[in-house]
Amino acid sequence: MGITHNRKLFSNFLSLSIVQGINFLIPLLITPYVISKVGVGGIGMIAVAQTVMIYLSTITDYGFNLTATKEISLYKADHSRISKIFFTVLASKIIIMIFLFALLVGLILFIPFFKHHFTLYIVGFTFVLGQALFVNWFFLGLEKMHFITIGSLVSRLIFVVLVFAFIKGKGDDVLFLFFLGIGNIVAALLSIFVAIHLLKLKFLRPVWADIIYEIKEGWQITLSILSLNTYLFSGIFILRFFTTDLVVGYYSIAVRIFFAARQVLAVFSEAVYPHLCKLILQSKETGNAFFKQIYVPLLIATLLSCTALFIFSPEIVYIFIKDGTELPVLLLRMLSFVPVVVCLNIPAYLLLLVFNRKKSYLKVFILATLINIIANILFVNQLGATGTVLSIIITELFIAAGLNRELYKSNLNGYISSGMI
């Protein structure tokens, strides 16, 4: 790859790293303050509600971060085409969000657990609204990641100010997700303004045929991402069923740190995907060069970072909670090398996406979800939070093995094999 391409990829990776750093680290860093006000049990209750909102947000996103991003990256020179895609996808997300709000209201009305926390879930839906309106997929396709960075910074600054201004005691735990949502909504409206006015998009009224097409295109990716989120977050529900908000709170501290580390790898995938859509189709040689220059250093850096995470787990946990409880340290150390396993599936995952092998990775993620749920049910009742973490490890190992197996079955391994030697 040329120097210009490398600089572009580095710029994209840096921008998205800042975005994810803002999105994950800021809530993570203020967690000690929130725990001091609402307690570990309160943060456990927040974690359960946040999991529900992440599920709903995943459905609202509907895989557009991949399908729409790919369309925008391929047609970025056609101003009329990207305008049509922009308004069609935005309309699709709004329609999906309305259906999801109706679903949430139904859960609150008919399920006692949700009814008991009515306010928490209703105000928490602002998080989903903000995610639905945020057009990060558009800027990803154009490879203008700095706009996403600005929006995320505004969102989290608003969130931090509101948290420190209004969360003062145990009754304020319902405000946490609401403030996250308010920040997301402001950032989303700002992103739409930038896309329409600064990039001068031409308004094209969405038609039902195009909306239905986008929804049909994205359902398999949505199902695979939903399966991934199910395995990542279903453990919280199962753990809460067998234990208490306090145990969930301890678990959520460790898993929040783990997710922050894992998200760096998601940033890498998002940053290189638009460029890879164009590059990898040229020849196997360009694919080999790409993975040799970009992926191998990432794998080494991930291994070193995970080693540091394992060594300094007690010090990291102490930042969040100072009661001397060993459980969060044990959980974090168990999770510390899982990002290395995640890193091993990145080439296979990206290549299956680029070559539109949706059924291949969908099969892997659905099986992984089933394995995770079964493992949680078997382990959590006996081992508590340790069983939840063990389920994550087993599932990640299966995903890495499964995606690479599908890569070889699809005869796509030639795009990376010689480049990795």
Protein backbone atom coordinates (compact mmCIF):
# COMPACT_ATOMS: atom_id res chain seq x y z
CA MET A 1 0.00 0.00 0.00
CA GLY A 2 1.11 3.54 -0.66
CA ILE A 3 2.08 6.10 1.95
CA THR A 4 -1.11 8.08 1.24
CA HIS A 5 -3.28 5.02 1.89
CA ASN A 6 -1.43 4.27 5.11
CA ARG A 7 -1.85 7.84 6.29
CA LYS A 8 -5.55 7.72 5.46
CA LEU A 9 -6.00 4.48 7.38
CA PHE A 10 -4.03 5.82 10.32
CA SER A 11 -6.13 8.99 10.31
CA ASN A 12 -9.35 6.94 10.22
CA PHE A 13 -8.12 4.63 12.97
CA LEU A 14 -7.02 7.56 15.12
CA SER A 15 -10.36 9.34 14.68
CA LEU A 16 -12.37 6.23 15.53
CA SER A 17 -10.04 5.42 18.43
CA ILE A 18 -10.78 8.85 19.86
CA VAL A 19 -14.50 8.25 19.29
CA GLN A 20 -14.49 4.91 21.08
CA GLY A 21 -12.21 6.29 23.76
CA ILE A 22 -14.77 9.02 24.35
CA ASN A 23 -17.75 6.66 24.16
CA PHE A 24 -16.35 3.97 26.45
CA LEU A 25 -13.67 5.52 28.60
CA ILE A 26 -15.62 8.58 29.75
CA PRO A 27 -18.55 6.53 31.14
CA LEU A 28 -15.96 4.12 32.52
CA LEU A 29 -13.95 6.86 34.21
CA ILE A 30 -16.96 8.43 35.89
CA THR A 31 -18.18 5.03 37.11
CA PRO A 32 -16.29 5.40 40.44
CA TYR A 33 -18.19 8.66 41.06
CA VAL A 34 -21.52 7.04 40.15
CA ILE A 35 -20.80 4.04 42.40
CA SER A 36 -20.01 6.39 45.28
CA LYS A 37 -23.46 7.97 44.87
CA VAL A 38 -25.78 5.09 43.89
CA GLY A 39 -23.80 2.11 45.23
CA VAL A 40 -22.58 -1.10 43.56
CA GLY A 41 -26.16 -2.41 43.52
CA GLY A 42 -27.28 0.73 41.72
CA ILE A 43 -24.62 0.33 39.06
CA GLY A 44 -25.77 -3.28 38.68
CA MET A 45 -29.34 -2.14 38.03
CA ILE A 46 -28.05 0.42 35.52
CA ALA A 47 -26.04 -2.32 33.78
CA VAL A 48 -29.15 -4.46 33.27
CA ALA A 49 -31.14 -1.53 31.83
CA GLN A 50 -28.23 -0.47 29.65
CA THR A 51 -28.08 -3.99 28.25
CA VAL A 52 -31.71 -3.70 27.14
CA MET A 53 -30.97 -0.38 25.44
CA ILE A 54 -27.93 -1.84 23.68
CA TYR A 55 -30.13 -4.65 22.31
CA LEU A 56 -32.67 -2.13 21.04
CA SER A 57 -29.94 0.09 19.59
CA THR A 58 -28.46 -2.89 17.76
CA ILE A 59 -31.81 -3.57 16.10
CA THR A 60 -32.19 0.13 15.25
CA ASP A 61 -28.73 0.22 13.68
CA TYR A 62 -29.87 -2.77 11.61
CA GLY A 63 -26.41 -3.48 10.21
CA PHE A 64 -26.31 -0.12 8.42
CA ASN A 65 -22.84 0.51 9.86
CA LEU A 66 -21.76 -2.20 7.41
CA THR A 67 -24.30 -2.29 4.56
CA ALA A 68 -24.86 1.47 4.21
CA THR A 69 -21.18 2.20 4.87
CA LYS A 70 -20.26 -0.12 2.01
CA GLU A 71 -22.77 1.55 -0.33
CA ILE A 72 -21.53 5.04 0.53
CA SER A 73 -17.87 4.02 0.08
CA LEU A 74 -18.57 2.57 -3.37
CA TYR A 75 -20.71 5.49 -4.63
CA LYS A 76 -19.11 8.44 -2.82
CA ALA A 77 -18.43 10.19 -6.15
CA ASP A 78 -22.15 10.09 -7.04
CA HIS A 79 -23.68 12.94 -5.01
CA SER A 80 -27.26 12.12 -5.96
CA ARG A 81 -26.80 8.43 -5.09
CA ILE A 82 -25.37 9.08 -1.63
CA SER A 83 -28.15 11.61 -0.93
CA LYS A 84 -30.71 8.94 -1.74
CA ILE A 85 -28.94 6.39 0.48
CA PHE A 86 -28.67 8.91 3.34
CA PHE A 87 -32.37 9.76 3.57
CA THR A 88 -33.53 6.19 2.89
CA VAL A 89 -31.38 4.71 5.65
CA LEU A 90 -32.29 7.48 8.10
CA ALA A 91 -36.00 6.91 7.43
CA SER A 92 -35.55 3.15 7.83
CA LYS A 93 -33.89 3.61 11.24
CA ILE A 94 -36.65 5.93 12.47
CA ILE A 95 -39.36 3.44 11.44
CA ILE A 96 -37.55 0.59 13.20
CA MET A 97 -37.09 2.76 16.31
CA ILE A 98 -40.84 3.50 16.52
CA PHE A 99 -41.64 -0.23 16.45
CA LEU A 100 -39.04 -0.85 19.16
CA PHE A 101 -40.52 1.82 21.42
CA ALA A 102 -43.90 0.10 21.10
CA LEU A 103 -42.19 -3.18 22.01
CA LEU A 104 -40.60 -1.61 25.09
CA VAL A 105 -43.95 -0.23 26.24
CA GLY A 106 -45.40 -3.73 25.87
CA LEU A 107 -42.61 -5.19 28.03
CA ILE A 108 -43.25 -2.56 30.70
CA LEU A 109 -47.00 -3.21 30.72
CA PHE A 110 -46.90 -7.01 30.85
CA ILE A 111 -43.64 -8.01 32.58
CA PRO A 112 -43.41 -7.20 36.32
CA PHE A 113 -39.61 -6.71 36.33
CA PHE A 114 -39.80 -3.96 33.70
CA LYS A 115 -42.95 -2.47 35.25
CA HIS A 116 -41.13 -2.15 38.58
CA HIS A 117 -38.42 -0.06 36.87
CA PHE A 118 -40.81 1.83 34.57
CA THR A 119 -39.05 5.21 34.79
CA LEU A 120 -35.57 3.77 34.25
CA TYR A 121 -36.54 2.08 30.97
CA ILE A 122 -38.69 4.88 29.56
CA VAL A 123 -36.09 7.61 30.08
CA GLY A 124 -33.37 5.16 29.04
CA PHE A 125 -34.95 4.91 25.59
CA THR A 126 -33.47 8.34 24.83
CA PHE A 127 -30.22 6.38 24.39
CA VAL A 128 -31.84 4.38 21.56
CA LEU A 129 -33.29 7.54 19.99
CA GLY A 130 -29.86 9.16 19.88
CA GLN A 131 -28.27 6.05 18.36
CA ALA A 132 -30.99 5.83 15.71
CA LEU A 133 -30.49 9.41 14.53
CA PHE A 134 -26.69 9.43 14.59
CA VAL A 135 -25.42 9.10 10.99
CA ASN A 136 -21.97 7.72 11.78
CA TRP A 137 -22.41 5.11 9.02
CA PHE A 138 -22.53 7.96 6.48
CA PHE A 139 -19.25 9.50 7.63
CA LEU A 140 -17.66 6.04 7.84
CA GLY A 141 -18.50 5.45 4.17
CA LEU A 142 -17.06 8.82 3.16
CA GLU A 143 -14.03 8.14 5.40
CA LYS A 144 -14.60 11.48 7.15
CA MET A 145 -14.24 10.10 10.65
CA HIS A 146 -13.37 13.46 12.23
CA PHE A 147 -17.05 14.43 12.07
CA ILE A 148 -17.88 11.35 14.17
CA THR A 149 -15.18 12.37 16.63
CA ILE A 150 -16.65 15.85 17.08
CA GLY A 151 -20.17 14.49 17.58
CA SER A 152 -19.04 11.93 20.14
CA LEU A 153 -17.03 14.52 22.06
CA VAL A 154 -20.05 16.83 22.30
CA SER A 155 -22.25 13.91 23.39
CA ARG A 156 -20.00 12.76 26.19
CA LEU A 157 -19.18 16.25 27.46
CA ILE A 158 -22.91 16.90 27.89
CA PHE A 159 -23.23 13.53 29.65
CA VAL A 160 -20.38 14.25 32.08
CA VAL A 161 -21.67 17.71 32.98
CA LEU A 162 -25.18 16.37 33.65
CA VAL A 163 -23.91 13.43 35.74
CA PHE A 164 -21.82 15.58 38.06
CA ALA A 165 -24.53 18.21 38.29
CA PHE A 166 -27.52 15.98 39.08
CA ILE A 167 -26.51 12.48 40.29
CA LYS A 168 -26.18 12.99 44.03
CA GLY A 169 -27.75 9.95 45.71
CA LYS A 170 -29.26 6.47 45.38
CA GLY A 171 -32.52 7.72 43.90
CA ASP A 172 -30.67 9.25 40.96
CA ASP A 173 -29.59 6.02 39.27
CA VAL A 174 -32.42 6.39 36.71
CA LEU A 175 -30.73 9.53 35.41
CA PHE A 176 -27.56 7.79 34.19
CA LEU A 177 -29.02 6.37 30.95
CA PHE A 178 -31.19 9.45 30.46
CA PHE A 179 -28.12 11.68 30.46
CA LEU A 180 -26.35 9.31 28.06
CA GLY A 181 -29.38 9.58 25.80
CA ILE A 182 -29.53 13.38 25.94
CA GLY A 183 -25.89 13.55 24.89
CA ASN A 184 -26.52 11.08 22.05
CA ILE A 185 -29.51 13.06 20.76
CA VAL A 186 -27.55 16.34 20.64
CA ALA A 187 -24.67 14.61 18.83
CA ALA A 188 -27.09 12.95 16.39
CA LEU A 189 -28.79 16.21 15.47
CA LEU A 190 -25.39 17.82 14.99
CA SER A 191 -24.30 14.96 12.70
CA ILE A 192 -27.43 15.32 10.55
CA PHE A 193 -26.86 19.07 10.28
CA VAL A 194 -23.25 18.54 9.17
CA ALA A 195 -24.23 15.90 6.61
CA ILE A 196 -27.04 17.94 5.04
CA HIS A 197 -25.69 21.48 5.19
CA LEU A 198 -21.90 21.26 5.20
CA LEU A 199 -21.72 18.36 2.76
CA LYS A 200 -24.66 19.81 0.80
CA LEU A 201 -26.79 16.71 0.46
CA LYS A 202 -29.82 17.05 -1.76
CA PHE A 203 -33.10 16.08 -0.07
CA LEU A 204 -34.67 13.09 -1.77
CA ARG A 205 -37.89 11.81 -0.24
CA PRO A 206 -37.50 8.14 0.68
CA VAL A 207 -39.81 5.70 -1.09
CA TRP A 208 -41.12 2.51 0.47
CA ALA A 209 -39.47 0.29 -2.12
CA ASP A 210 -36.02 1.63 -1.19
CA ILE A 211 -36.72 1.36 2.54
CA ILE A 212 -37.84 -2.26 2.15
CA TYR A 213 -34.73 -2.97 0.05
CA GLU A 214 -32.42 -1.59 2.77
CA ILE A 215 -34.22 -3.59 5.45
CA LYS A 216 -33.96 -6.79 3.40
CA GLU A 217 -30.25 -6.15 2.77
CA GLY A 218 -29.46 -5.68 6.44
CA TRP A 219 -31.42 -8.40 8.22
CA GLN A 220 -28.71 -11.08 8.14
CA ILE A 221 -26.02 -8.71 9.40
CA THR A 222 -28.42 -7.41 12.05
CA LEU A 223 -29.11 -10.95 13.21
CA SER A 224 -25.39 -11.71 13.41
CA ILE A 225 -24.65 -8.52 15.39
CA LEU A 226 -27.67 -9.15 17.62
CA SER A 227 -26.37 -12.67 18.21
CA LEU A 228 -22.98 -11.20 19.13
CA ASN A 229 -24.59 -8.75 21.56
CA THR A 230 -26.78 -11.50 22.97
CA TYR A 231 -23.76 -13.51 23.98
CA LEU A 232 -21.93 -10.42 25.27
CA PHE A 233 -24.83 -9.13 27.36
CA SER A 234 -27.22 -12.01 28.04
CA GLY A 235 -24.91 -13.10 30.84
CA ILE A 236 -25.98 -10.03 32.82
CA PHE A 237 -29.64 -11.14 32.73
CA ILE A 238 -28.83 -14.74 33.63
CA LEU A 239 -26.44 -13.62 36.37
CA ARG A 240 -29.10 -11.32 37.81
CA PHE A 241 -31.62 -14.17 37.78
CA PHE A 242 -29.35 -16.35 39.94
CA THR A 243 -27.68 -13.64 42.06
CA THR A 244 -28.22 -10.01 43.14
CA ASP A 245 -27.71 -6.46 41.89
CA LEU A 246 -24.56 -6.36 44.03
CA VAL A 247 -22.94 -9.33 42.25
CA VAL A 248 -24.01 -7.91 38.88
CA GLY A 249 -22.41 -4.63 39.93
CA TYR A 250 -19.07 -6.33 40.66
CA TYR A 251 -19.30 -8.20 37.36
CA SER A 252 -20.18 -5.03 35.44
CA ILE A 253 -17.04 -3.28 36.73
CA ALA A 254 -14.79 -6.00 35.29
CA VAL A 255 -16.74 -6.38 32.08
CA ARG A 256 -16.82 -2.61 31.41
CA ILE A 257 -13.02 -2.57 31.49
CA PHE A 258 -12.94 -5.64 29.23
CA PHE A 259 -15.35 -4.05 26.75
CA ALA A 260 -13.21 -0.90 26.60
CA ALA A 261 -10.20 -3.06 25.64
CA ARG A 262 -12.26 -5.12 23.19
CA GLN A 263 -13.64 -2.01 21.53
CA VAL A 264 -10.19 -1.02 20.27
CA LEU A 265 -10.40 -4.03 17.95
CA ALA A 266 -13.86 -3.00 16.79
CA VAL A 267 -12.38 0.42 15.98
CA PHE A 268 -9.73 -1.24 13.84
CA SER A 269 -12.37 -3.18 11.89
CA GLU A 270 -14.54 -0.10 11.35
CA ALA A 271 -11.57 2.02 10.26
CA VAL A 272 -10.22 -0.39 7.64
CA TYR A 273 -13.51 -1.81 6.34
CA PRO A 274 -14.44 0.96 3.83
CA HIS A 275 -10.91 0.95 2.40
CA LEU A 276 -10.78 -2.84 2.38
CA CYS A 277 -14.00 -3.00 0.34
CA LYS A 278 -12.09 -1.39 -2.54
CA LEU A 279 -8.59 -2.72 -1.93
CA ILE A 280 -9.14 -6.43 -1.33
CA LEU A 281 -11.11 -6.93 -4.56
CA GLN A 282 -8.10 -5.85 -6.65
CA SER A 283 -5.97 -8.95 -6.07
CA LYS A 284 -4.78 -11.43 -3.48
CA GLU A 285 -1.42 -9.64 -3.42
CA THR A 286 -2.97 -6.39 -2.19
CA GLY A 287 -4.80 -8.35 0.48
CA ASN A 288 -1.59 -10.03 1.59
CA ALA A 289 0.25 -6.71 1.76
CA PHE A 290 -2.58 -5.11 3.70
CA PHE A 291 -2.78 -7.75 6.41
CA LYS A 292 0.99 -7.97 6.72
CA GLN A 293 1.44 -4.22 7.20
CA ILE A 294 -1.64 -3.48 9.29
CA TYR A 295 -2.87 -6.59 11.07
CA VAL A 296 0.31 -8.20 12.38
CA PRO A 297 1.40 -5.09 14.37
CA LEU A 298 -2.13 -4.90 15.82
CA LEU A 299 -1.94 -8.51 16.99
CA ILE A 300 1.41 -7.90 18.72
CA ALA A 301 0.17 -4.68 20.36
CA THR A 302 -2.97 -6.49 21.57
CA LEU A 303 -0.93 -9.26 23.17
CA LEU A 304 1.30 -6.76 25.00
CA SER A 305 -1.67 -4.68 26.16
CA CYS A 306 -3.51 -7.74 27.46
CA THR A 307 -0.43 -8.79 29.41
CA ALA A 308 -0.35 -5.37 31.06
CA LEU A 309 -4.08 -5.63 31.81
CA PHE A 310 -3.54 -8.97 33.55
CA ILE A 311 -0.62 -7.70 35.64
CA PHE A 312 -2.25 -4.45 36.73
CA SER A 313 -5.80 -5.75 37.25
CA PRO A 314 -5.80 -5.06 41.04
CA GLU A 315 -4.70 -1.46 40.55
CA ILE A 316 -7.24 -0.88 37.77
CA VAL A 317 -10.14 -2.31 39.79
CA TYR A 318 -9.10 -0.26 42.84
CA ILE A 319 -9.79 2.90 40.83
CA PHE A 320 -13.46 1.90 40.67
CA ILE A 321 -14.06 0.24 44.00
CA LYS A 322 -12.00 0.36 47.18
CA ASP A 323 -13.76 -2.14 49.44
CA GLY A 324 -11.10 -4.82 48.97
CA THR A 325 -13.41 -7.28 47.19
CA GLU A 326 -11.35 -9.77 45.16
CA LEU A 327 -14.14 -10.86 42.81
CA PRO A 328 -13.78 -8.02 40.24
CA VAL A 329 -9.99 -8.59 40.10
CA LEU A 330 -10.46 -12.31 39.45
CA LEU A 331 -13.04 -11.64 36.74
CA LEU A 332 -10.87 -9.02 35.02
CA ARG A 333 -7.84 -11.32 35.01
CA MET A 334 -9.94 -14.11 33.50
CA LEU A 335 -11.05 -11.70 30.75
CA SER A 336 -7.69 -10.01 30.19
CA PHE A 337 -6.46 -12.19 27.29
CA VAL A 338 -9.82 -12.58 25.55
CA PRO A 339 -9.08 -9.57 23.25
CA VAL A 340 -6.21 -11.62 21.76
CA VAL A 341 -8.73 -14.30 20.80
CA VAL A 342 -10.99 -11.60 19.32
CA CYS A 343 -8.05 -10.25 17.33
CA LEU A 344 -7.53 -13.66 15.74
CA ASN A 345 -10.95 -13.55 14.06
CA ILE A 346 -10.62 -10.07 12.52
CA PRO A 347 -9.17 -11.06 9.09
CA ALA A 348 -11.75 -13.82 8.64
CA TYR A 349 -14.61 -11.57 9.74
CA LEU A 350 -13.59 -8.72 7.42
CA LEU A 351 -13.07 -10.95 4.39
CA LEU A 352 -16.41 -12.70 4.85
CA LEU A 353 -18.05 -9.26 5.01
CA VAL A 354 -16.25 -7.91 1.94
CA PHE A 355 -17.20 -10.95 -0.14
CA ASN A 356 -20.78 -10.83 1.14
CA ARG A 357 -20.69 -14.27 2.80
CA LYS A 358 -23.50 -13.29 5.15
CA LYS A 359 -24.75 -16.81 5.77
CA SER A 360 -21.28 -17.96 6.80
CA TYR A 361 -20.75 -15.54 9.67
CA LEU A 362 -24.44 -15.53 10.59
CA LYS A 363 -24.23 -19.28 11.20
CA VAL A 364 -21.17 -18.83 13.41
CA PHE A 365 -22.74 -16.08 15.52
CA ILE A 366 -26.05 -17.88 15.99
CA LEU A 367 -24.27 -21.05 17.13
CA ALA A 368 -22.05 -18.94 19.40
CA THR A 369 -25.12 -17.37 20.99
CA LEU A 370 -26.67 -20.76 21.67
CA ILE A 371 -23.41 -22.05 23.16
CA ASN A 372 -23.14 -18.96 25.36
CA ILE A 373 -26.69 -19.20 26.69
CA ILE A 374 -26.30 -22.92 27.46
CA ALA A 375 -22.91 -22.32 29.11
CA ASN A 376 -24.35 -19.50 31.22
CA ILE A 377 -27.25 -21.63 32.40
CA LEU A 378 -24.89 -24.49 33.28
CA PHE A 379 -22.16 -22.44 34.97
CA VAL A 380 -23.78 -19.39 36.56
CA ASN A 381 -25.94 -21.28 39.04
CA GLN A 382 -22.83 -23.05 40.40
CA LEU A 383 -20.07 -20.46 39.87
CA GLY A 384 -21.89 -17.12 39.85
CA ALA A 385 -20.08 -14.30 38.03
CA THR A 386 -17.07 -16.56 37.40
CA GLY A 387 -19.36 -18.80 35.36
CA THR A 388 -20.53 -15.82 33.30
CA VAL A 389 -16.93 -14.93 32.43
CA LEU A 390 -16.11 -18.56 31.64
CA SER A 391 -19.03 -18.55 29.19
CA ILE A 392 -17.59 -15.48 27.44
CA ILE A 393 -14.19 -17.18 27.05
CA ILE A 394 -15.71 -20.37 25.60
CA THR A 395 -17.86 -18.36 23.19
CA GLU A 396 -15.00 -16.17 21.92
CA LEU A 397 -12.86 -19.25 21.26
CA PHE A 398 -15.72 -20.78 19.28
CA ILE A 399 -16.23 -17.58 17.23
CA ALA A 400 -12.53 -17.34 16.34
CA ALA A 401 -12.40 -21.00 15.30
CA GLY A 402 -15.75 -20.82 13.49
CA LEU A 403 -15.03 -17.69 11.43
CA ASN A 404 -11.62 -18.98 10.35
CA ARG A 405 -13.16 -22.32 9.42
CA GLU A 406 -15.75 -20.53 7.27
CA LEU A 407 -12.94 -18.49 5.68
CA TYR A 408 -11.14 -21.66 4.59
CA LYS A 409 -14.38 -23.30 3.42
CA SER A 410 -15.03 -20.22 1.25
CA ASN A 411 -11.52 -20.44 -0.26
CA LEU A 412 -10.73 -16.90 0.85
CA ASN A 413 -7.74 -17.73 3.03
CA GLY A 414 -5.42 -16.95 0.11
CA TYR A 415 -6.04 -13.25 0.74
CA ILE A 416 -4.20 -13.44 4.05
CA SER A 417 -2.13 -16.63 4.20
CA SER A 418 1.09 -15.58 2.47
CA GLY A 419 0.83 -12.10 3.93
CA MET A 420 0.97 -13.57 7.43
CA ILE A 421 4.17 -15.55 6.89
